[in-house]
């Protein structure tokens, strides 16, 4: 039986439930939560990530507790697939952790449902020091004039690849590949090495790549209560890539994913497995995950980084807040939580532990100070952001609408059906256009 990948499932439904059950905060409308215990505080922080991130983040939380007597922080984490389901369940029950890692994709949904605290007062009074943060980065977490999320790194869409394998086969990779160049590369790698290609699959990556391809046409995935495209045909390019890979034999068999967690670095086809037929030479991720992917790679394998393929890479590519840190609107420790966000943002000591694993630090001072302690892969990410993407990118799209998680689930399901041959690319496009517009119109 095939395993259905349902990243982000129930998010919209559970957030809607939250509006009925309430957050249990007991605040009057518009009242700013500003409670803290000066002598002691037991707090929780929840994030998604890989083993590298988990270890580094917990170390920083321990450092903060050591420097703030009486404050204990319960660090909690999940993989990228389970995180959003668990977070939505917690929000519906009014038990959100004090500090939450949040994605650009979902921040507007949580803010609109009054689940996040406005950080503006803490920025204005200096509790959260943003003097070394650019205004554009700060505005990335702003909704309706209020800052609900503090960006904790800058990243960009990135194609990771087995550089050792390709070097041995005499295959060169260039940045800003077109889609046709990428398909030719997939064929060449398969012919020369036996390694297949794993395209976007599960955990919102499929949606991100569909949106990436549409940007090359000056189109956006989301419009006002509907898709930002006028016909189903504009989705064909994305689904045809999947279909072509399966029909020509250079895409990994989708059954490979059956017993794996989508978006798990450690279980990705790029680094997991021993048979070339079941492995991929590349993986679609974000730049900040390069270190984790390298750490998960077999000994002697070097992982390289380049851009996602597109028919117009400059229009498609963008710089993105890797994640945000947000404070729950229901917290009883808002002041301490704000101090923690400031610590993660501005402490050089803390960032010498984190070392930009979530992306290039947003504080220009911190980014410069930690560079000497970063390993080669971490420095490679900084160079990729500064030298490859920044000169060849366009402004990021606006945050996704509140019910986009249902659309993401739909796209993931259709992606799976195309890979298994249950739907043609044209049928998947038609179904996405019809059902997706119905979802978006029901907001």
Foldseek 3Di string as FASTA:
>chain_A
DFDFQQALPCQLVLLVLCLVVDLPQPDDPPDAQDFADQQADEFEEEEADAPLQQVLVVVLQVVLCVVRDRYHYHYYYDHLRCRNVVQSNCSSVNNHTFKYWFFLQALVLCVVSVFFGFCVVCPVVVLADCVQFDPVQQCSQDDPRTRFWRFFAKWWKKKKFFPVLCVVQVHDDDAAAAPVRVVVVLVVSCVRPVAAAEDAAHSLRLVLVLQLQVLQVVFGQDDQLAGRDDALVSSLVSLVVLLVRLVVVRYAQPSLCRPPHHPHLLSALCADDDDSSRHHRIDIDILLCLVVNQVSHPPPTHMDIHHDHYNQQLSRIDMGRLITMTGTSSDNRNSVVSNSNSCSQPPLVSCLSVLQSSHQRSRPVSSVSNVVSHDPSSVVRVCCVPPPRPVRYDYDDRHDDNQCSVLSSLSNVLSVCSSVVNDHSSRSSNVSNVVVSVSSNVD
